[in-house]
């Protein structure tokens, strides 16, 4: 790999169909960068799109093409990919909505495009502006904010048992 300090502006097909946003998250699986949620002009979003890095095109996934319970509109949540039994998932935790701070966790089966709200055990961290990565079947959540309180804790969700652990 050759790294440079030069930026290249990409011009993927279909970019004009992607709603401008901030507070969203992206996660990479194979040749697709998935984009979910965010905030735009006073509106929280819960739409799903992806950037196909092979075809260099943006694809919006219509809500009617997804199954299950779609997460409520939100921004500033944590998001990562996870594979179990050869099935890839996007995992979303927390975030900020129009009238609430979320502590919920959802997964999206990327093969079926089916959302599932995870039933977890223990006190799930209620926050936004945090980070999360999935390591060895655990979603590790670090820091974040809730109604002015800023956190420096580390929480882990065991994705097999559904149990939350705190540092």
Foldseek 3Di string as FASTA:
>chain_A
DDDDPDDDDADAAPPVVDDDFPLWDWEDDDQKIKIAWGDDPHATGGWIWIQRNVRRHIGTDDPVQAAEDGDDGFGQWEWYWDDDPNWIKIKIAWGDHPPATGQWIWIAGPVRNYIDTDDADDDGDGFGNWYWDDDPQKIWIAWGDDPHDTDGWIWIQRNVRRYIDTD
